[in-house]
Protein backbone atom coordinates (compact mmCIF):
# COMPACT_ATOMS: atom_id res chain seq x y z
CA UNK A 1 31.69 -17.02 -4.49
CA UNK A 2 28.39 -18.94 -4.68
CA UNK A 3 25.79 -18.52 -7.43
CA UNK A 4 21.99 -18.57 -7.43
CA UNK A 5 21.81 -22.35 -7.75
CA UNK A 6 24.20 -22.87 -4.82
CA UNK A 7 22.24 -20.51 -2.56
CA UNK A 8 19.54 -23.11 -1.88
CA UNK A 9 21.93 -26.03 -1.42
CA UNK A 10 21.87 -27.79 1.95
CA UNK A 11 25.47 -26.93 2.77
CA UNK A 12 24.82 -23.20 2.16
CA UNK A 13 21.62 -23.36 4.21
CA UNK A 14 23.55 -24.95 7.05
CA UNK A 15 26.26 -22.28 6.91
CA UNK A 16 23.68 -19.49 6.70
CA UNK A 17 22.04 -20.87 9.85
CA UNK A 18 25.25 -20.85 11.89
CA UNK A 19 25.75 -18.04 14.43
CA UNK A 20 29.19 -17.43 12.92
CA UNK A 21 27.65 -16.43 9.56
CA UNK A 22 28.59 -12.82 8.88
CA UNK A 23 26.08 -10.09 8.07
CA UNK A 24 27.59 -9.75 4.61
CA UNK A 25 27.23 -13.47 3.96
CA UNK A 26 23.59 -13.76 5.02
CA UNK A 27 22.68 -10.70 2.93
CA UNK A 28 24.42 -12.24 -0.09
CA UNK A 29 22.59 -15.55 0.36
CA UNK A 30 19.19 -13.86 0.67
CA UNK A 31 19.89 -11.69 -2.37
CA UNK A 32 20.52 -14.83 -4.39
CA UNK A 33 17.56 -16.78 -3.03
CA UNK A 34 14.87 -14.10 -2.86
CA UNK A 35 16.17 -11.05 -4.74
CA UNK A 36 16.84 -7.54 -3.47
CA UNK A 37 13.13 -6.69 -3.08
CA UNK A 38 12.09 -9.00 -0.26
CA UNK A 39 10.13 -8.74 2.96
CA UNK A 40 9.18 -11.18 5.68
CA UNK A 41 5.59 -12.37 6.02
CA UNK A 42 3.88 -10.17 8.61
CA UNK A 43 1.08 -11.89 10.59
CA UNK A 44 0.29 -8.62 12.39
CA UNK A 45 -0.67 -6.87 9.12
CA UNK A 46 -2.05 -9.41 6.67
CA UNK A 47 -2.83 -6.80 4.05
CA UNK A 48 0.81 -5.69 3.93
CA UNK A 49 1.85 -9.08 2.57
CA UNK A 50 -0.62 -8.81 -0.30
CA UNK A 51 0.41 -5.20 -0.93
CA UNK A 52 4.07 -6.22 -1.15
CA UNK A 53 3.25 -9.06 -3.54
CA UNK A 54 1.15 -6.73 -5.72
CA UNK A 55 4.23 -4.52 -6.13
CA UNK A 56 6.41 -7.48 -7.21
CA UNK A 57 8.22 -7.93 -3.92
CA UNK A 58 8.99 -11.43 -2.67
CA UNK A 59 7.21 -12.25 0.59
CA UNK A 60 9.36 -14.71 2.52
CA UNK A 61 7.25 -16.96 4.74
CA UNK A 62 8.40 -18.51 7.99
CA UNK A 63 9.06 -21.96 6.56
CA UNK A 64 11.25 -20.59 3.77
CA UNK A 65 14.19 -20.21 6.16
CA UNK A 66 15.45 -22.08 9.19
CA UNK A 67 15.33 -20.53 12.66
CA UNK A 68 19.07 -19.85 12.41
CA UNK A 69 18.72 -18.13 9.03
CA UNK A 70 15.94 -15.93 10.37
CA UNK A 71 18.00 -15.01 13.41
CA UNK A 72 21.01 -14.09 11.28
CA UNK A 73 18.87 -12.20 8.76
CA UNK A 74 17.20 -10.12 11.48
CA UNK A 75 20.54 -9.40 13.16
CA UNK A 76 21.94 -8.18 9.83
CA UNK A 77 18.75 -6.21 9.01
CA UNK A 78 18.71 -8.25 5.80
CA UNK A 79 14.92 -8.61 5.87
CA UNK A 80 12.11 -6.64 7.50
CA UNK A 81 8.41 -7.46 8.03
CA UNK A 82 6.09 -6.51 5.17
CA UNK A 83 4.19 -4.21 7.50
CA UNK A 84 7.28 -2.04 7.91
CA UNK A 85 7.47 -1.16 4.19
CA UNK A 86 3.86 -1.74 3.08
CA UNK A 87 1.68 -0.92 6.09
CA UNK A 88 -2.06 -1.31 5.67
CA UNK A 89 -3.17 -1.69 9.29
CA UNK A 90 -3.13 2.03 10.12
CA UNK A 91 -6.49 2.58 11.81
CA UNK A 92 -4.86 3.23 15.19
CA UNK A 93 -1.88 5.24 13.96
CA UNK A 94 -1.78 8.96 14.63
CA UNK A 95 -0.39 10.80 11.57
CA UNK A 96 2.46 13.28 11.89
CA UNK A 97 0.18 16.09 10.67
CA UNK A 98 -3.60 16.44 10.52
CA UNK A 99 -5.01 19.42 8.62
CA UNK A 100 -7.90 21.41 10.03
CA UNK A 101 -10.35 22.79 7.48
CA UNK A 102 -9.06 26.34 7.89
CA UNK A 103 -5.64 25.10 6.71
CA UNK A 104 -6.99 23.77 3.42
CA UNK A 105 -5.68 25.26 0.19
CA UNK A 106 -8.05 25.93 -2.75
CA UNK A 107 -6.84 22.67 -4.36
CA UNK A 108 -7.59 20.69 -1.20
CA UNK A 109 -11.07 22.21 -1.02
CA UNK A 110 -11.74 21.52 -4.71
CA UNK A 111 -10.82 17.84 -4.39
CA UNK A 112 -12.83 17.33 -1.21
CA UNK A 113 -15.85 19.00 -2.78
CA UNK A 114 -15.56 16.82 -5.88
CA UNK A 115 -15.43 13.60 -3.85
CA UNK A 116 -18.43 14.65 -1.78
CA UNK A 117 -20.43 15.49 -4.92
CA UNK A 118 -19.78 12.33 -6.94
CA UNK A 119 -19.52 9.68 -4.21
CA UNK A 120 -23.29 9.24 -3.68
CA UNK A 121 -23.71 8.28 -7.35
CA UNK A 122 -20.78 5.86 -7.15
CA UNK A 123 -21.23 4.10 -3.80
CA UNK A 124 -24.63 5.25 -2.57
CA UNK A 125 -23.55 7.60 0.22
CA UNK A 126 -21.63 10.81 0.73
CA UNK A 127 -17.92 10.41 1.40
CA UNK A 128 -16.12 13.17 3.28
CA UNK A 129 -12.43 13.96 2.87
CA UNK A 130 -9.78 14.51 5.51
CA UNK A 131 -6.15 15.49 4.93
CA UNK A 132 -3.02 14.32 6.71
CA UNK A 133 0.73 14.31 6.05
CA UNK A 134 2.86 11.36 7.10
CA UNK A 135 5.71 9.78 5.10
CA UNK A 136 5.17 6.43 6.83
CA UNK A 137 1.53 6.09 5.79
CA UNK A 138 -0.10 5.17 2.47
CA UNK A 139 -1.47 7.67 -0.10
CA UNK A 140 -5.08 7.28 0.94
CA UNK A 141 -7.27 5.21 3.21
CA UNK A 142 -10.93 4.84 4.14
CA UNK A 143 -12.34 4.74 7.65
CA UNK A 144 -16.12 4.24 7.52
CA UNK A 145 -17.29 7.10 5.24
CA UNK A 146 -14.14 9.21 5.65
CA UNK A 147 -11.54 9.30 2.89
CA UNK A 148 -8.13 10.26 4.29
CA UNK A 149 -5.68 11.73 1.76
CA UNK A 150 -1.98 11.75 2.67
CA UNK A 151 -0.40 14.88 1.21
CA UNK A 152 3.08 13.50 1.92
CA UNK A 153 2.42 10.90 -0.79
CA UNK A 154 -0.19 12.53 -3.04
CA UNK A 155 -0.53 15.94 -4.70
CA UNK A 156 -4.10 17.21 -5.03
CA UNK A 157 -3.00 19.50 -7.87
CA UNK A 158 -2.92 16.55 -10.31
CA UNK A 159 -6.52 15.76 -11.22
CA UNK A 160 -5.85 12.53 -13.06
CA UNK A 161 -4.08 11.22 -9.96
CA UNK A 162 -6.91 12.58 -7.81
CA UNK A 163 -9.51 10.58 -9.69
CA UNK A 164 -7.33 7.46 -9.76
CA UNK A 165 -6.85 7.63 -6.00
CA UNK A 166 -10.54 8.20 -5.36
CA UNK A 167 -11.60 5.21 -7.49
CA UNK A 168 -8.93 3.02 -5.92
CA UNK A 169 -9.97 3.83 -2.36
CA UNK A 170 -13.69 3.71 -3.08
CA UNK A 171 -13.19 0.22 -4.50
CA UNK A 172 -11.53 -0.87 -1.25
CA UNK A 173 -14.46 0.34 0.81
CA UNK A 174 -17.02 -1.30 -1.51
CA UNK A 175 -15.20 -4.64 -1.46
CA UNK A 176 -14.36 -4.21 2.26
CA UNK A 177 -10.85 -5.49 1.73
CA UNK A 178 -7.39 -3.94 1.36
CA UNK A 179 -6.33 -6.80 -0.92
CA UNK A 180 -5.23 -5.66 -4.40
CA UNK A 181 -4.90 -9.19 -5.76
CA UNK A 182 -8.53 -10.31 -5.80
CA UNK A 183 -10.93 -10.12 -8.75
CA UNK A 184 -13.52 -8.26 -6.74
CA UNK A 185 -11.17 -5.33 -6.17
CA UNK A 186 -10.14 -4.60 -9.75
CA UNK A 187 -13.61 -5.45 -11.08
CA UNK A 188 -14.96 -2.81 -8.70
CA UNK A 189 -12.38 -0.24 -9.84
CA UNK A 190 -13.55 -0.78 -13.43
CA UNK A 191 -17.22 -0.59 -12.51
CA UNK A 192 -16.73 2.64 -10.54
CA UNK A 193 -14.72 4.12 -13.42
CA UNK A 194 -17.57 3.32 -15.82
CA UNK A 195 -20.09 4.93 -13.47
CA UNK A 196 -17.91 8.02 -13.20
CA UNK A 197 -17.65 8.30 -16.99
CA UNK A 198 -21.43 8.16 -17.36
CA UNK A 199 -21.84 10.68 -14.56
CA UNK A 200 -19.43 13.07 -16.32
CA UNK A 201 -21.57 12.91 -19.46
CA UNK A 202 -24.86 13.33 -17.59
CA UNK A 203 -23.83 15.88 -14.93
CA UNK A 204 -20.71 17.75 -16.10
CA UNK A 205 -21.35 20.48 -13.52
CA UNK A 206 -20.14 18.09 -10.81
CA UNK A 207 -16.66 17.98 -12.29
CA UNK A 208 -13.84 20.53 -12.04
CA UNK A 209 -12.79 22.41 -15.14
CA UNK A 210 -10.12 20.63 -17.19
CA UNK A 211 -6.66 21.21 -15.73
């Protein structure tokens, strides 16, 4: 029966902190205060908080709710840590499927070859490609000079998406940050895109035929 303005009132906060608050009630209160797209701040995966914010999700910090509200929200599964939905700290995670080179399709080989050919001109060193499949992991990620492409989230048959993903991930490795909300990241994406355009004009043989 309460509205958005009531949801932050002291009496509602007190009720939402009480152990007797029902799951339905705490979910309703959080919907009104933070919206449907909300996650809790995750100190174990700092990048996930920035990733969530970059996708217009509300990141609820510890001080935004009382201890009782947090306890009720967790019991009702009304909020989850940002790292659960937007994981970025994946260096130690073993993917569900890793592809050996003899499992590569012609499209997988073509994309890997393209990245290896153009990366030295873009970032100054050769980047090699690896393929995995895991629905819980992001589309692509860099580890040192290895570009890991997640086929559960990305199709290598779409060349516009291929180039977008490559530029995006190369920018992360140049900036050495997984933060999408800093100037350095999107400035680097633009700079790499400009380099790639010039490279296409100067060395068209490096690029796949139009698809």
